[in-house]
Amino acid sequence: GHGGSDSGALGAFSKEKDITLAISMRLKKLLEQAGAKVIMTRTTDVDVYAPNDGAVEELQARCDVANAAGADVFVCIHIDSYSTPDVGGVTAYYNNKTPYDLGLAKYIHKENMKATAFPDRGVQTANFYVLLHTNMPATLVELGFISNPSEEKTLNTDAQQQNFAESICQGLSDYFQNSGK
């Protein structure tokens, strides 16, 4: 999620775009080691569509990358934020546009909850742009709250970033081993 001119949510000392990229790059490495072909919407701190573009153009550009590649699944990695610092936790979002979206979100979320002590905010439906405009099963995961000082500190550690990369990798493996159901 995010990148380039779009920092995403801001914590006391970090930016969402940096944490999501760090986790995503670790995940890419793990998936490739497992034999997967990984298509990233970004591998550096850049906008996907264009600098200072609008939200719709940026989100559609991400969908276009996945759709053009004929990806089997779409996983969008984010860090949440809220107006008060006491809110925290991990959520997986999906939209029932295919029979497999819920399964994808559930398998990944189950493993994500094993990878952290953050609260479980569950698997929830949403009409997020990337969930609606990708042609394949998709999930958007929120891996904690950058607005929560304890979670922000933990999210910036190599250990937690690696744990989340490994958990998403395992969730994807479970999803494919169970044919998405």
N, C-alpha and C. Protein backbone atom coordinates (compact mmCIF):
# COMPACT_ATOMS: atom_id res chain seq x y z
N GLY A 1 0.79 -1.19 0.00
CA GLY A 1 0.00 0.00 0.00
C GLY A 1 0.84 1.26 0.00
N HIS A 2 0.31 2.29 -0.66
CA HIS A 2 0.89 3.64 -0.68
C HIS A 2 2.24 3.66 -1.40
N GLY A 3 3.05 4.68 -1.15
CA GLY A 3 4.34 4.81 -1.81
C GLY A 3 4.50 6.12 -2.53
N GLY A 4 5.75 6.52 -2.70
CA GLY A 4 6.05 7.76 -3.40
C GLY A 4 5.47 8.96 -2.70
N SER A 5 4.66 9.74 -3.43
CA SER A 5 4.09 10.96 -2.85
C SER A 5 2.99 10.68 -1.84
N ASP A 6 2.55 9.43 -1.74
CA ASP A 6 1.50 9.02 -0.81
C ASP A 6 2.14 8.23 0.34
N SER A 7 2.31 8.89 1.48
CA SER A 7 2.95 8.24 2.62
C SER A 7 2.05 7.25 3.33
N GLY A 8 0.74 7.33 3.08
CA GLY A 8 -0.18 6.53 3.87
C GLY A 8 -0.28 7.13 5.25
N ALA A 9 -0.67 6.32 6.22
CA ALA A 9 -0.82 6.80 7.58
C ALA A 9 0.55 7.15 8.18
N LEU A 10 0.53 8.14 9.06
CA LEU A 10 1.76 8.57 9.72
C LEU A 10 1.72 8.23 11.19
N GLY A 11 2.80 7.65 11.67
CA GLY A 11 2.94 7.38 13.09
C GLY A 11 3.78 8.47 13.73
N ALA A 12 4.20 8.22 14.95
CA ALA A 12 5.03 9.20 15.67
C ALA A 12 6.41 9.32 15.02
N PHE A 13 6.89 8.22 14.44
CA PHE A 13 8.24 8.25 13.86
C PHE A 13 8.37 7.46 12.57
N SER A 14 7.27 6.99 12.02
CA SER A 14 7.36 6.19 10.79
C SER A 14 6.16 6.43 9.88
N LYS A 15 6.29 5.94 8.65
CA LYS A 15 5.26 6.08 7.64
C LYS A 15 4.77 4.71 7.21
N GLU A 16 3.47 4.64 6.96
CA GLU A 16 2.86 3.38 6.51
C GLU A 16 3.57 2.83 5.28
N LYS A 17 3.86 3.68 4.31
CA LYS A 17 4.43 3.23 3.04
C LYS A 17 5.75 2.48 3.24
N ASP A 18 6.54 2.86 4.24
CA ASP A 18 7.83 2.22 4.47
C ASP A 18 7.66 0.84 5.11
N ILE A 19 6.73 0.73 6.04
CA ILE A 19 6.49 -0.56 6.71
C ILE A 19 5.88 -1.55 5.72
N THR A 20 4.91 -1.09 4.94
CA THR A 20 4.26 -2.02 4.00
C THR A 20 5.25 -2.50 2.93
N LEU A 21 6.13 -1.63 2.47
CA LEU A 21 7.11 -2.04 1.48
C LEU A 21 8.09 -3.05 2.08
N ALA A 22 8.52 -2.81 3.31
CA ALA A 22 9.47 -3.73 3.96
C ALA A 22 8.86 -5.13 4.12
N ILE A 23 7.61 -5.19 4.56
CA ILE A 23 6.94 -6.49 4.70
C ILE A 23 6.75 -7.13 3.33
N SER A 24 6.33 -6.34 2.36
CA SER A 24 6.07 -6.87 1.01
C SER A 24 7.33 -7.43 0.35
N MET A 25 8.45 -6.76 0.52
CA MET A 25 9.69 -7.25 -0.07
C MET A 25 10.15 -8.55 0.60
N ARG A 26 9.95 -8.66 1.90
CA ARG A 26 10.25 -9.91 2.60
C ARG A 26 9.33 -11.03 2.10
N LEU A 27 8.06 -10.70 1.93
CA LEU A 27 7.08 -11.67 1.43
C LEU A 27 7.44 -12.12 0.02
N LYS A 28 7.81 -11.19 -0.83
CA LYS A 28 8.19 -11.52 -2.20
C LYS A 28 9.31 -12.56 -2.20
N LYS A 29 10.32 -12.34 -1.39
CA LYS A 29 11.45 -13.26 -1.32
C LYS A 29 11.00 -14.66 -0.88
N LEU A 30 10.17 -14.72 0.15
CA LEU A 30 9.68 -16.01 0.65
C LEU A 30 8.85 -16.74 -0.40
N LEU A 31 7.97 -16.00 -1.07
CA LEU A 31 7.12 -16.62 -2.10
C LEU A 31 7.95 -17.14 -3.27
N GLU A 32 8.93 -16.36 -3.69
CA GLU A 32 9.78 -16.81 -4.80
C GLU A 32 10.59 -18.04 -4.40
N GLN A 33 11.06 -18.08 -3.16
CA GLN A 33 11.78 -19.26 -2.68
C GLN A 33 10.88 -20.49 -2.68
N ALA A 34 9.58 -20.27 -2.51
CA ALA A 34 8.61 -21.37 -2.53
C ALA A 34 8.16 -21.73 -3.94
N GLY A 35 8.65 -20.99 -4.94
CA GLY A 35 8.33 -21.31 -6.33
C GLY A 35 7.24 -20.47 -6.95
N ALA A 36 6.76 -19.48 -6.25
CA ALA A 36 5.69 -18.63 -6.79
C ALA A 36 6.26 -17.57 -7.72
N LYS A 37 5.45 -17.16 -8.68
CA LYS A 37 5.77 -16.01 -9.51
C LYS A 37 5.07 -14.82 -8.86
N VAL A 38 5.84 -13.84 -8.45
CA VAL A 38 5.30 -12.70 -7.71
C VAL A 38 5.31 -11.46 -8.60
N ILE A 39 4.17 -10.80 -8.68
CA ILE A 39 4.04 -9.53 -9.39
C ILE A 39 3.79 -8.47 -8.33
N MET A 40 4.70 -7.52 -8.24
CA MET A 40 4.58 -6.45 -7.25
C MET A 40 4.02 -5.20 -7.94
N THR A 41 3.20 -4.44 -7.22
CA THR A 41 2.75 -3.16 -7.77
C THR A 41 3.84 -2.11 -7.60
N ARG A 42 4.72 -2.31 -6.61
CA ARG A 42 5.91 -1.46 -6.47
C ARG A 42 6.97 -2.20 -5.68
N THR A 43 8.24 -1.95 -6.01
CA THR A 43 9.36 -2.55 -5.29
C THR A 43 10.28 -1.49 -4.70
N THR A 44 9.93 -0.24 -4.91
CA THR A 44 10.67 0.89 -4.33
C THR A 44 9.64 1.93 -3.89
N ASP A 45 10.12 3.02 -3.32
CA ASP A 45 9.25 4.06 -2.82
C ASP A 45 8.81 4.99 -3.95
N VAL A 46 7.85 4.50 -4.75
CA VAL A 46 7.34 5.25 -5.89
C VAL A 46 5.81 5.20 -5.93
N ASP A 47 5.22 6.16 -6.64
CA ASP A 47 3.81 6.08 -6.96
C ASP A 47 3.67 5.04 -8.07
N VAL A 48 2.57 4.31 -8.09
CA VAL A 48 2.37 3.30 -9.13
C VAL A 48 1.89 3.96 -10.42
N TYR A 49 1.03 4.96 -10.32
CA TYR A 49 0.51 5.64 -11.51
C TYR A 49 1.38 6.85 -11.86
N ALA A 50 1.40 7.84 -10.98
CA ALA A 50 2.20 9.06 -11.22
C ALA A 50 2.30 9.84 -9.92
N PRO A 51 3.36 10.60 -9.75
CA PRO A 51 3.48 11.42 -8.54
C PRO A 51 2.30 12.36 -8.36
N ASN A 52 1.82 12.45 -7.13
CA ASN A 52 0.73 13.36 -6.77
C ASN A 52 -0.55 13.14 -7.58
N ASP A 53 -0.76 11.91 -8.02
CA ASP A 53 -1.97 11.58 -8.75
C ASP A 53 -3.16 11.47 -7.80
N GLY A 54 -4.33 11.27 -8.37
CA GLY A 54 -5.52 11.09 -7.55
C GLY A 54 -5.63 9.67 -7.04
N ALA A 55 -6.45 9.50 -6.03
CA ALA A 55 -6.60 8.18 -5.41
C ALA A 55 -7.12 7.14 -6.40
N VAL A 56 -8.09 7.50 -7.22
CA VAL A 56 -8.67 6.53 -8.15
C VAL A 56 -7.62 6.09 -9.18
N GLU A 57 -6.85 7.02 -9.70
CA GLU A 57 -5.81 6.65 -10.68
C GLU A 57 -4.78 5.71 -10.05
N GLU A 58 -4.38 6.01 -8.84
CA GLU A 58 -3.38 5.19 -8.15
C GLU A 58 -3.93 3.79 -7.87
N LEU A 59 -5.13 3.72 -7.37
CA LEU A 59 -5.73 2.42 -7.05
C LEU A 59 -5.99 1.61 -8.32
N GLN A 60 -6.48 2.27 -9.37
CA GLN A 60 -6.73 1.56 -10.62
C GLN A 60 -5.42 1.05 -11.22
N ALA A 61 -4.35 1.81 -11.08
CA ALA A 61 -3.05 1.36 -11.60
C ALA A 61 -2.63 0.06 -10.92
N ARG A 62 -2.88 -0.07 -9.64
CA ARG A 62 -2.55 -1.30 -8.92
C ARG A 62 -3.40 -2.47 -9.43
N CYS A 63 -4.66 -2.21 -9.63
CA CYS A 63 -5.55 -3.24 -10.17
C CYS A 63 -5.13 -3.63 -11.58
N ASP A 64 -4.74 -2.65 -12.38
CA ASP A 64 -4.31 -2.90 -13.76
C ASP A 64 -3.09 -3.82 -13.79
N VAL A 65 -2.14 -3.61 -12.86
CA VAL A 65 -0.95 -4.46 -12.80
C VAL A 65 -1.36 -5.92 -12.57
N ALA A 66 -2.22 -6.13 -11.59
CA ALA A 66 -2.66 -7.49 -11.26
C ALA A 66 -3.50 -8.10 -12.38
N ASN A 67 -4.42 -7.33 -12.91
CA ASN A 67 -5.30 -7.84 -13.97
C ASN A 67 -4.52 -8.17 -15.24
N ALA A 68 -3.59 -7.31 -15.62
CA ALA A 68 -2.79 -7.55 -16.83
C ALA A 68 -1.91 -8.78 -16.68
N ALA A 69 -1.45 -9.04 -15.47
CA ALA A 69 -0.59 -10.20 -15.22
C ALA A 69 -1.38 -11.49 -15.13
N GLY A 70 -2.69 -11.39 -15.03
CA GLY A 70 -3.51 -12.59 -14.85
C GLY A 70 -3.21 -13.27 -13.51
N ALA A 71 -2.98 -12.47 -12.48
CA ALA A 71 -2.62 -13.00 -11.17
C ALA A 71 -3.69 -13.94 -10.63
N ASP A 72 -3.25 -14.92 -9.86
CA ASP A 72 -4.18 -15.86 -9.22
C ASP A 72 -4.87 -15.24 -8.01
N VAL A 73 -4.14 -14.39 -7.28
CA VAL A 73 -4.69 -13.68 -6.13
C VAL A 73 -4.06 -12.29 -6.05
N PHE A 74 -4.73 -11.43 -5.29
CA PHE A 74 -4.24 -10.07 -5.05
C PHE A 74 -4.22 -9.86 -3.54
N VAL A 75 -3.04 -9.53 -3.00
CA VAL A 75 -2.90 -9.27 -1.57
C VAL A 75 -2.39 -7.84 -1.41
N CYS A 76 -3.16 -7.02 -0.74
CA CYS A 76 -2.83 -5.63 -0.53
C CYS A 76 -2.48 -5.44 0.95
N ILE A 77 -1.26 -4.98 1.22
CA ILE A 77 -0.75 -4.89 2.57
C ILE A 77 -0.78 -3.44 3.05
N HIS A 78 -1.42 -3.23 4.21
CA HIS A 78 -1.57 -1.90 4.79
C HIS A 78 -1.32 -1.92 6.29
N ILE A 79 -1.14 -0.72 6.84
CA ILE A 79 -1.08 -0.50 8.28
C ILE A 79 -2.17 0.51 8.60
N ASP A 80 -2.97 0.23 9.58
CA ASP A 80 -4.14 1.04 9.91
C ASP A 80 -3.77 2.25 10.78
N SER A 81 -4.72 3.14 10.97
CA SER A 81 -4.54 4.30 11.83
C SER A 81 -5.90 4.72 12.36
N TYR A 82 -5.88 5.35 13.54
CA TYR A 82 -7.13 5.83 14.13
C TYR A 82 -6.84 7.11 14.90
N SER A 83 -7.87 7.85 15.25
CA SER A 83 -7.69 9.16 15.89
C SER A 83 -7.23 9.05 17.35
N THR A 84 -7.39 7.90 17.97
CA THR A 84 -6.91 7.73 19.34
C THR A 84 -5.87 6.62 19.38
N PRO A 85 -4.87 6.75 20.27
CA PRO A 85 -3.75 5.82 20.26
C PRO A 85 -4.02 4.46 20.89
N ASP A 86 -5.17 4.27 21.52
CA ASP A 86 -5.43 3.01 22.20
C ASP A 86 -6.00 1.93 21.29
N VAL A 87 -6.42 2.28 20.09
CA VAL A 87 -7.00 1.30 19.16
C VAL A 87 -5.87 0.54 18.48
N GLY A 88 -6.03 -0.77 18.35
CA GLY A 88 -5.02 -1.58 17.70
C GLY A 88 -5.61 -2.85 17.13
N GLY A 89 -4.77 -3.60 16.45
CA GLY A 89 -5.19 -4.90 15.97
C GLY A 89 -4.98 -5.13 14.48
N VAL A 90 -5.29 -6.35 14.09
CA VAL A 90 -5.08 -6.85 12.73
C VAL A 90 -6.43 -7.23 12.13
N THR A 91 -6.64 -6.81 10.88
CA THR A 91 -7.90 -7.07 10.17
C THR A 91 -7.58 -7.58 8.77
N ALA A 92 -8.43 -8.44 8.25
CA ALA A 92 -8.38 -8.83 6.84
C ALA A 92 -9.73 -8.49 6.22
N TYR A 93 -9.69 -7.80 5.10
CA TYR A 93 -10.90 -7.40 4.40
C TYR A 93 -11.04 -8.16 3.08
N TYR A 94 -12.28 -8.37 2.67
CA TYR A 94 -12.57 -9.04 1.41
C TYR A 94 -13.89 -8.52 0.88
N ASN A 95 -14.17 -8.83 -0.38
CA ASN A 95 -15.45 -8.58 -1.00
C ASN A 95 -15.82 -9.85 -1.74
N ASN A 96 -17.07 -10.25 -1.66
CA ASN A 96 -17.50 -11.52 -2.26
C ASN A 96 -17.68 -11.45 -3.77
N LYS A 97 -16.74 -10.85 -4.49
CA LYS A 97 -16.89 -10.76 -5.95
C LYS A 97 -16.60 -12.10 -6.62
N THR A 98 -15.87 -12.99 -5.94
CA THR A 98 -15.66 -14.36 -6.43
C THR A 98 -15.98 -15.31 -5.26
N PRO A 99 -16.13 -16.59 -5.53
CA PRO A 99 -16.37 -17.53 -4.44
C PRO A 99 -15.15 -17.75 -3.53
N TYR A 100 -14.02 -17.15 -3.87
CA TYR A 100 -12.77 -17.44 -3.16
C TYR A 100 -12.21 -16.30 -2.33
N ASP A 101 -12.80 -15.12 -2.42
CA ASP A 101 -12.27 -13.96 -1.69
C ASP A 101 -12.28 -14.17 -0.17
N LEU A 102 -13.38 -14.68 0.35
CA LEU A 102 -13.47 -14.92 1.79
C LEU A 102 -12.42 -15.93 2.24
N GLY A 103 -12.26 -17.00 1.49
CA GLY A 103 -11.26 -18.01 1.85
C GLY A 103 -9.86 -17.42 1.88
N LEU A 104 -9.52 -16.61 0.90
CA LEU A 104 -8.21 -15.97 0.86
C LEU A 104 -7.99 -15.13 2.11
N ALA A 105 -8.96 -14.29 2.44
CA ALA A 105 -8.84 -13.44 3.63
C ALA A 105 -8.73 -14.28 4.90
N LYS A 106 -9.54 -15.33 5.01
CA LYS A 106 -9.53 -16.16 6.22
C LYS A 106 -8.21 -16.89 6.43
N TYR A 107 -7.69 -17.49 5.38
CA TYR A 107 -6.42 -18.23 5.51
C TYR A 107 -5.27 -17.31 5.91
N ILE A 108 -5.20 -16.16 5.28
CA ILE A 108 -4.12 -15.23 5.60
C ILE A 108 -4.31 -14.66 7.00
N HIS A 109 -5.53 -14.30 7.34
CA HIS A 109 -5.77 -13.72 8.66
C HIS A 109 -5.46 -14.71 9.79
N LYS A 110 -5.84 -15.94 9.59
CA LYS A 110 -5.57 -16.97 10.60
C LYS A 110 -4.07 -17.03 10.90
N GLU A 111 -3.26 -17.02 9.87
CA GLU A 111 -1.81 -17.08 10.06
C GLU A 111 -1.25 -15.77 10.61
N ASN A 112 -1.82 -14.63 10.18
CA ASN A 112 -1.37 -13.35 10.71
C ASN A 112 -1.57 -13.27 12.22
N MET A 113 -2.65 -13.84 12.71
CA MET A 113 -2.91 -13.78 14.14
C MET A 113 -1.95 -14.66 14.94
N LYS A 114 -1.35 -15.64 14.29
CA LYS A 114 -0.32 -16.45 14.95
C LYS A 114 1.02 -15.72 14.99
N ALA A 115 1.15 -14.67 14.18
CA ALA A 115 2.43 -13.99 14.00
C ALA A 115 2.59 -12.74 14.85
N THR A 116 1.60 -12.44 15.67
CA THR A 116 1.64 -11.21 16.45
C THR A 116 0.82 -11.33 17.72
N ALA A 117 1.09 -10.44 18.65
CA ALA A 117 0.30 -10.34 19.87
C ALA A 117 -0.75 -9.24 19.75
N PHE A 118 -0.84 -8.58 18.59
CA PHE A 118 -1.83 -7.53 18.37
C PHE A 118 -3.23 -8.13 18.48
N PRO A 119 -4.23 -7.35 18.87
CA PRO A 119 -5.61 -7.85 18.95
C PRO A 119 -6.14 -8.31 17.58
N ASP A 120 -7.09 -9.22 17.63
CA ASP A 120 -7.73 -9.77 16.44
C ASP A 120 -8.99 -8.95 16.14
N ARG A 121 -8.97 -8.23 15.04
CA ARG A 121 -10.13 -7.43 14.62
C ARG A 121 -10.98 -8.18 13.60
N GLY A 122 -10.57 -9.40 13.27
CA GLY A 122 -11.39 -10.26 12.45
C GLY A 122 -11.25 -10.11 10.95
N VAL A 123 -12.11 -10.86 10.26
CA VAL A 123 -12.21 -10.83 8.81
C VAL A 123 -13.52 -10.13 8.49
N GLN A 124 -13.44 -9.07 7.69
CA GLN A 124 -14.62 -8.24 7.45
C GLN A 124 -14.80 -7.96 5.97
N THR A 125 -16.05 -7.77 5.59
CA THR A 125 -16.33 -7.38 4.21
C THR A 125 -16.10 -5.88 4.04
N ALA A 126 -15.73 -5.49 2.84
CA ALA A 126 -15.50 -4.08 2.53
C ALA A 126 -15.64 -3.86 1.04
N ASN A 127 -15.94 -2.63 0.68
CA ASN A 127 -16.04 -2.26 -0.73
C ASN A 127 -14.84 -1.42 -1.15
N PHE A 128 -13.66 -1.78 -0.66
CA PHE A 128 -12.45 -1.06 -1.04
C PHE A 128 -12.20 -1.21 -2.54
N TYR A 129 -11.70 -0.16 -3.14
CA TYR A 129 -11.51 -0.11 -4.58
C TYR A 129 -10.76 -1.33 -5.12
N VAL A 130 -9.63 -1.65 -4.49
CA VAL A 130 -8.81 -2.76 -5.02
C VAL A 130 -9.49 -4.12 -4.87
N LEU A 131 -10.40 -4.24 -3.92
CA LEU A 131 -11.14 -5.49 -3.78
C LEU A 131 -12.21 -5.64 -4.85
N LEU A 132 -12.73 -4.52 -5.29
CA LEU A 132 -13.80 -4.52 -6.30
C LEU A 132 -13.30 -4.55 -7.74
N HIS A 133 -12.11 -3.99 -8.00
CA HIS A 133 -11.65 -3.80 -9.37
C HIS A 133 -10.53 -4.73 -9.81
N THR A 134 -10.24 -5.74 -9.00
CA THR A 134 -9.32 -6.79 -9.43
C THR A 134 -10.16 -7.96 -9.91
N ASN A 135 -9.65 -8.67 -10.92
CA ASN A 135 -10.41 -9.77 -11.50
C ASN A 135 -10.28 -11.07 -10.73
N MET A 136 -9.36 -11.13 -9.79
CA MET A 136 -9.06 -12.35 -9.06
C MET A 136 -9.47 -12.19 -7.60
N PRO A 137 -9.49 -13.31 -6.84
CA PRO A 137 -9.74 -13.19 -5.40
C PRO A 137 -8.73 -12.22 -4.80
N ALA A 138 -9.21 -11.38 -3.88
CA ALA A 138 -8.36 -10.33 -3.31
C ALA A 138 -8.64 -10.16 -1.83
N THR A 139 -7.62 -9.75 -1.12
CA THR A 139 -7.76 -9.36 0.28
C THR A 139 -6.90 -8.14 0.54
N LEU A 140 -7.35 -7.32 1.46
CA LEU A 140 -6.58 -6.18 1.94
C LEU A 140 -6.39 -6.41 3.42
N VAL A 141 -5.14 -6.50 3.85
CA VAL A 141 -4.85 -6.75 5.26
C VAL A 141 -4.32 -5.47 5.91
N GLU A 142 -4.79 -5.22 7.11
CA GLU A 142 -4.32 -4.11 7.95
C GLU A 142 -3.56 -4.77 9.10
N LEU A 143 -2.25 -4.63 9.10
CA LEU A 143 -1.38 -5.37 10.01
C LEU A 143 -1.00 -4.57 11.25
N GLY A 144 -2.00 -4.02 11.91
CA GLY A 144 -1.76 -3.23 13.11
C GLY A 144 -2.02 -1.76 12.85
N PHE A 145 -1.86 -0.96 13.91
CA PHE A 145 -2.16 0.46 13.86
C PHE A 145 -0.90 1.27 14.12
N ILE A 146 -0.54 2.09 13.14
CA ILE A 146 0.63 2.97 13.27
C ILE A 146 0.36 4.07 14.29
N SER A 147 -0.92 4.33 14.57
CA SER A 147 -1.33 5.35 15.55
C SER A 147 -1.24 4.83 16.99
N ASN A 148 -1.04 3.54 17.15
CA ASN A 148 -0.87 2.92 18.47
C ASN A 148 0.63 2.85 18.75
N PRO A 149 1.13 3.58 19.74
CA PRO A 149 2.58 3.65 19.96
C PRO A 149 3.26 2.29 20.12
N SER A 150 2.65 1.38 20.82
CA SER A 150 3.25 0.06 21.01
C SER A 150 3.29 -0.72 19.70
N GLU A 151 2.20 -0.67 18.95
CA GLU A 151 2.16 -1.38 17.67
C GLU A 151 3.11 -0.74 16.67
N GLU A 152 3.19 0.58 16.64
CA GLU A 152 4.13 1.25 15.72
C GLU A 152 5.55 0.79 16.00
N LYS A 153 5.92 0.76 17.26
CA LYS A 153 7.28 0.34 17.63
C LYS A 153 7.54 -1.10 17.16
N THR A 154 6.58 -1.99 17.41
CA THR A 154 6.73 -3.39 17.03
C THR A 154 6.76 -3.55 15.51
N LEU A 155 5.91 -2.82 14.80
CA LEU A 155 5.86 -2.91 13.34
C LEU A 155 7.16 -2.49 12.67
N ASN A 156 7.95 -1.70 13.35
CA ASN A 156 9.22 -1.24 12.79
C ASN A 156 10.38 -2.17 13.11
N THR A 157 10.11 -3.31 13.73
CA THR A 157 11.18 -4.26 14.02
C THR A 157 11.32 -5.27 12.88
N ASP A 158 12.54 -5.71 12.64
CA ASP A 158 12.77 -6.75 11.63
C ASP A 158 11.98 -8.00 11.97
N ALA A 159 11.92 -8.34 13.25
CA ALA A 159 11.24 -9.57 13.67
C ALA A 159 9.77 -9.56 13.30
N GLN A 160 9.04 -8.47 13.61
CA GLN A 160 7.62 -8.43 13.29
C GLN A 160 7.37 -8.37 11.79
N GLN A 161 8.20 -7.63 11.08
CA GLN A 161 8.05 -7.59 9.62
C GLN A 161 8.25 -8.98 9.02
N GLN A 162 9.24 -9.70 9.50
CA GLN A 162 9.50 -11.06 9.01
C GLN A 162 8.36 -11.99 9.40
N ASN A 163 7.86 -11.85 10.64
CA ASN A 163 6.75 -12.70 11.08
C ASN A 163 5.52 -12.51 10.20
N PHE A 164 5.21 -11.26 9.86
CA PHE A 164 4.05 -11.02 9.00
C PHE A 164 4.31 -11.53 7.58
N ALA A 165 5.50 -11.37 7.06
CA ALA A 165 5.81 -11.91 5.73
C ALA A 165 5.64 -13.42 5.73
N GLU A 166 6.15 -14.09 6.74
CA GLU A 166 6.03 -15.55 6.84
C GLU A 166 4.58 -15.98 7.01
N SER A 167 3.82 -15.22 7.80
CA SER A 167 2.42 -15.61 8.02
C SER A 167 1.58 -15.44 6.75
N ILE A 168 1.82 -14.39 6.00
CA ILE A 168 1.08 -14.20 4.74
C ILE A 168 1.48 -15.30 3.76
N CYS A 169 2.75 -15.63 3.71
CA CYS A 169 3.22 -16.71 2.84
C CYS A 169 2.53 -18.03 3.21
N GLN A 170 2.48 -18.33 4.50
CA GLN A 170 1.83 -19.56 4.95
C GLN A 170 0.33 -19.53 4.66
N GLY A 171 -0.30 -18.39 4.87
CA GLY A 171 -1.73 -18.25 4.56
C GLY A 171 -2.02 -18.49 3.09
N LEU A 172 -1.14 -17.98 2.23
CA LEU A 172 -1.31 -18.23 0.79
C LEU A 172 -1.12 -19.70 0.47
N SER A 173 -0.14 -20.33 1.07
CA SER A 173 0.08 -21.76 0.86
C SER A 173 -1.15 -22.56 1.28
N ASP A 174 -1.70 -22.24 2.45
CA ASP A 174 -2.89 -22.93 2.94
C ASP A 174 -4.07 -22.71 1.99
N TYR A 175 -4.22 -21.49 1.52
CA TYR A 175 -5.31 -21.15 0.59
C TYR A 175 -5.22 -22.02 -0.67
N PHE A 176 -4.03 -22.09 -1.27
CA PHE A 176 -3.89 -22.86 -2.50
C PHE A 176 -3.99 -24.37 -2.25
N GLN A 177 -3.47 -24.85 -1.13
CA GLN A 177 -3.57 -26.27 -0.81
C GLN A 177 -5.02 -26.71 -0.62
N ASN A 178 -5.87 -25.78 -0.19
CA ASN A 178 -7.28 -26.08 0.05
C ASN A 178 -8.17 -25.57 -1.08
N SER A 179 -7.58 -25.26 -2.22
CA SER A 179 -8.30 -24.79 -3.40
C SER A 179 -9.18 -23.59 -3.11
N GLY A 180 -8.73 -22.75 -2.18
CA GLY A 180 -9.46 -21.52 -1.89
C GLY A 180 -10.70 -21.67 -1.06
N LYS A 181 -10.99 -22.86 -0.64
CA LYS A 181 -12.25 -23.08 0.14
C LYS A 181 -11.97 -23.26 1.60
